[in-house]
Amino acid sequence: MVKSELIEKLADRAGITLFKAEELVDLFFNTLSGTLGKGGRIEIRGFGAFSVKEYKGYTGRNPKTGEEVTVPSKRLPVWRTGTELRQRVDSVFSK
């Protein structure tokens, strides 16, 4: 499913316009991104949790030339699936 399909499904199920559904989806993702950008954590019970993991910088090697390269530290979003979602997905595929 892509974002436009999500917007269409939301509009159909909630009985709202596509414009309003797009506003809601954008609000959700912008809030999620903003919270993670500030180092926060988001937990949706039964679905999963988003958080930010920090990685230290290190010295690596360019595989093509063998030259040493400094890789800077970075912060990346991570996702942990909730137990209920994991069980729902597993039950669908185990039938």
C-alpha atoms as a PDB file:
ATOM      1  CA  MET A   1       0.000   0.000   0.000  1.00  0.00           C
ATOM      2  CA  VAL A   2       1.287   3.450  -0.868  1.00  0.00           C
ATOM      3  CA  LYS A   3       0.350   6.774   0.712  1.00  0.00           C
ATOM      4  CA  SER A   4      -2.306   7.602  -1.905  1.00  0.00           C
ATOM      5  CA  GLU A   5      -4.016   4.237  -1.330  1.00  0.00           C
ATOM      6  CA  LEU A   6      -3.977   4.856   2.423  1.00  0.00           C
ATOM      7  CA  ILE A   7      -5.608   8.253   1.875  1.00  0.00           C
ATOM      8  CA  GLU A   8      -8.313   6.736  -0.355  1.00  0.00           C
ATOM      9  CA  LYS A   9      -9.094   3.964   2.169  1.00  0.00           C
ATOM     10  CA  LEU A  10      -9.268   6.460   5.031  1.00  0.00           C
ATOM     11  CA  ALA A  11     -11.587   8.724   3.050  1.00  0.00           C
ATOM     12  CA  ASP A  12     -13.889   5.815   2.152  1.00  0.00           C
ATOM     13  CA  ARG A  13     -14.040   4.279   5.633  1.00  0.00           C
ATOM     14  CA  ALA A  14     -14.421   7.585   7.497  1.00  0.00           C
ATOM     15  CA  GLY A  15     -16.781   9.137   4.944  1.00  0.00           C
ATOM     16  CA  ILE A  16     -14.621  12.233   4.486  1.00  0.00           C
ATOM     17  CA  THR A  17     -13.175  13.987   1.448  1.00  0.00           C
ATOM     18  CA  LEU A  18      -9.852  12.964  -0.062  1.00  0.00           C
ATOM     19  CA  PHE A  19      -8.487  16.398   0.859  1.00  0.00           C
ATOM     20  CA  LYS A  20      -9.407  15.951   4.530  1.00  0.00           C
ATOM     21  CA  ALA A  21      -8.025  12.400   4.561  1.00  0.00           C
ATOM     22  CA  GLU A  22      -4.746  13.645   3.053  1.00  0.00           C
ATOM     23  CA  GLU A  23      -4.541  16.343   5.738  1.00  0.00           C
ATOM     24  CA  LEU A  24      -4.977  13.692   8.450  1.00  0.00           C
ATOM     25  CA  VAL A  25      -2.344  11.361   6.986  1.00  0.00           C
ATOM     26  CA  ASP A  26       0.103  14.267   6.567  1.00  0.00           C
ATOM     27  CA  LEU A  27      -0.581  15.418  10.136  1.00  0.00           C
ATOM     28  CA  PHE A  28       0.117  11.912  11.460  1.00  0.00           C
ATOM     29  CA  PHE A  29       3.398  11.502   9.570  1.00  0.00           C
ATOM     30  CA  ASN A  30       4.564  15.064  10.291  1.00  0.00           C
ATOM     31  CA  THR A  31       3.872  14.578  14.010  1.00  0.00           C
ATOM     32  CA  LEU A  32       5.680  11.230  13.952  1.00  0.00           C
ATOM     33  CA  SER A  33       8.692  12.738  12.146  1.00  0.00           C
ATOM     34  CA  GLY A  34       8.773  15.783  14.406  1.00  0.00           C
ATOM     35  CA  THR A  35       8.690  13.719  17.585  1.00  0.00           C
ATOM     36  CA  LEU A  36      11.437  11.391  16.346  1.00  0.00           C
ATOM     37  CA  GLY A  37      13.455  14.390  15.164  1.00  0.00           C
ATOM     38  CA  LYS A  38      13.454  15.677  18.746  1.00  0.00           C
ATOM     39  CA  GLY A  39      14.652  12.278  20.010  1.00  0.00           C
ATOM     40  CA  GLY A  40      11.229  11.247  21.305  1.00  0.00           C
ATOM     41  CA  ARG A  41       9.560   7.849  21.274  1.00  0.00           C
ATOM     42  CA  ILE A  42       6.138   6.936  19.908  1.00  0.00           C
ATOM     43  CA  GLU A  43       4.265   3.867  21.093  1.00  0.00           C
ATOM     44  CA  ILE A  44       0.989   2.723  19.584  1.00  0.00           C
ATOM     45  CA  ARG A  45      -0.323  -0.113  21.761  1.00  0.00           C
ATOM     46  CA  GLY A  46      -0.894  -3.309  19.848  1.00  0.00           C
ATOM     47  CA  PHE A  47       0.866  -1.905  16.781  1.00  0.00           C
ATOM     48  CA  GLY A  48       4.448  -1.049  17.657  1.00  0.00           C
ATOM     49  CA  ALA A  49       6.907   1.590  18.758  1.00  0.00           C
ATOM     50  CA  PHE A  50       9.117   4.048  16.921  1.00  0.00           C
ATOM     51  CA  SER A  51      12.280   5.402  18.517  1.00  0.00           C
ATOM     52  CA  VAL A  52      15.642   6.859  17.552  1.00  0.00           C
ATOM     53  CA  LYS A  53      18.906   4.950  17.817  1.00  0.00           C
ATOM     54  CA  GLU A  54      22.213   6.761  17.925  1.00  0.00           C
ATOM     55  CA  TYR A  55      25.241   5.293  16.213  1.00  0.00           C
ATOM     56  CA  LYS A  56      28.776   6.443  16.990  1.00  0.00           C
ATOM     57  CA  GLY A  57      31.123   7.470  14.232  1.00  0.00           C
ATOM     58  CA  TYR A  58      33.829   5.055  13.155  1.00  0.00           C
ATOM     59  CA  THR A  59      36.623   4.574  10.675  1.00  0.00           C
ATOM     60  CA  GLY A  60      35.625   2.315   7.810  1.00  0.00           C
ATOM     61  CA  ARG A  61      37.127   1.281   4.514  1.00  0.00           C
ATOM     62  CA  ASN A  62      36.068   1.979   0.972  1.00  0.00           C
ATOM     63  CA  PRO A  63      35.565  -1.561  -0.394  1.00  0.00           C
ATOM     64  CA  LYS A  64      36.628  -0.549  -3.888  1.00  0.00           C
ATOM     65  CA  THR A  65      39.894   1.263  -3.070  1.00  0.00           C
ATOM     66  CA  GLY A  66      40.671   0.038   0.446  1.00  0.00           C
ATOM     67  CA  GLU A  67      41.089   3.676   1.520  1.00  0.00           C
ATOM     68  CA  GLU A  68      40.131   4.549   5.115  1.00  0.00           C
ATOM     69  CA  VAL A  69      36.973   6.626   5.376  1.00  0.00           C
ATOM     70  CA  THR A  70      35.604   8.417   8.439  1.00  0.00           C
ATOM     71  CA  VAL A  71      31.919   7.630   8.922  1.00  0.00           C
ATOM     72  CA  PRO A  72      30.232  10.318  11.059  1.00  0.00           C
ATOM     73  CA  SER A  73      27.881   9.548  13.939  1.00  0.00           C
ATOM     74  CA  LYS A  74      24.205   9.432  13.056  1.00  0.00           C
ATOM     75  CA  ARG A  75      20.717   9.046  14.458  1.00  0.00           C
ATOM     76  CA  LEU A  76      18.313   6.695  12.698  1.00  0.00           C
ATOM     77  CA  PRO A  77      14.653   5.830  13.309  1.00  0.00           C
ATOM     78  CA  VAL A  78      13.976   2.262  14.397  1.00  0.00           C
ATOM     79  CA  TRP A  79      10.733   0.297  14.577  1.00  0.00           C
ATOM     80  CA  ARG A  80       9.740  -2.446  16.949  1.00  0.00           C
ATOM     81  CA  THR A  81       6.617  -4.405  16.095  1.00  0.00           C
ATOM     82  CA  GLY A  82       3.990  -4.853  18.778  1.00  0.00           C
ATOM     83  CA  THR A  83       3.047  -8.344  19.910  1.00  0.00           C
ATOM     84  CA  GLU A  84      -0.570  -8.040  18.793  1.00  0.00           C
ATOM     85  CA  LEU A  85       0.388  -6.952  15.258  1.00  0.00           C
ATOM     86  CA  ARG A  86       2.982  -9.711  15.019  1.00  0.00           C
ATOM     87  CA  GLN A  87       0.359 -12.295  16.027  1.00  0.00           C
ATOM     88  CA  ARG A  88      -2.226 -10.920  13.559  1.00  0.00           C
ATOM     89  CA  VAL A  89       0.227 -11.063  10.661  1.00  0.00           C
ATOM     90  CA  ASP A  90       1.392 -14.536  11.643  1.00  0.00           C
ATOM     91  CA  SER A  91      -2.197 -15.844  11.871  1.00  0.00           C
ATOM     92  CA  VAL A  92      -3.000 -14.553   8.378  1.00  0.00           C
ATOM     93  CA  PHE A  93       0.011 -16.267   6.801  1.00  0.00           C
ATOM     94  CA  SER A  94      -0.199 -19.502   8.781  1.00  0.00           C
ATOM     95  CA  LYS A  95      -3.646 -20.435   7.406  1.00  0.00           C
END
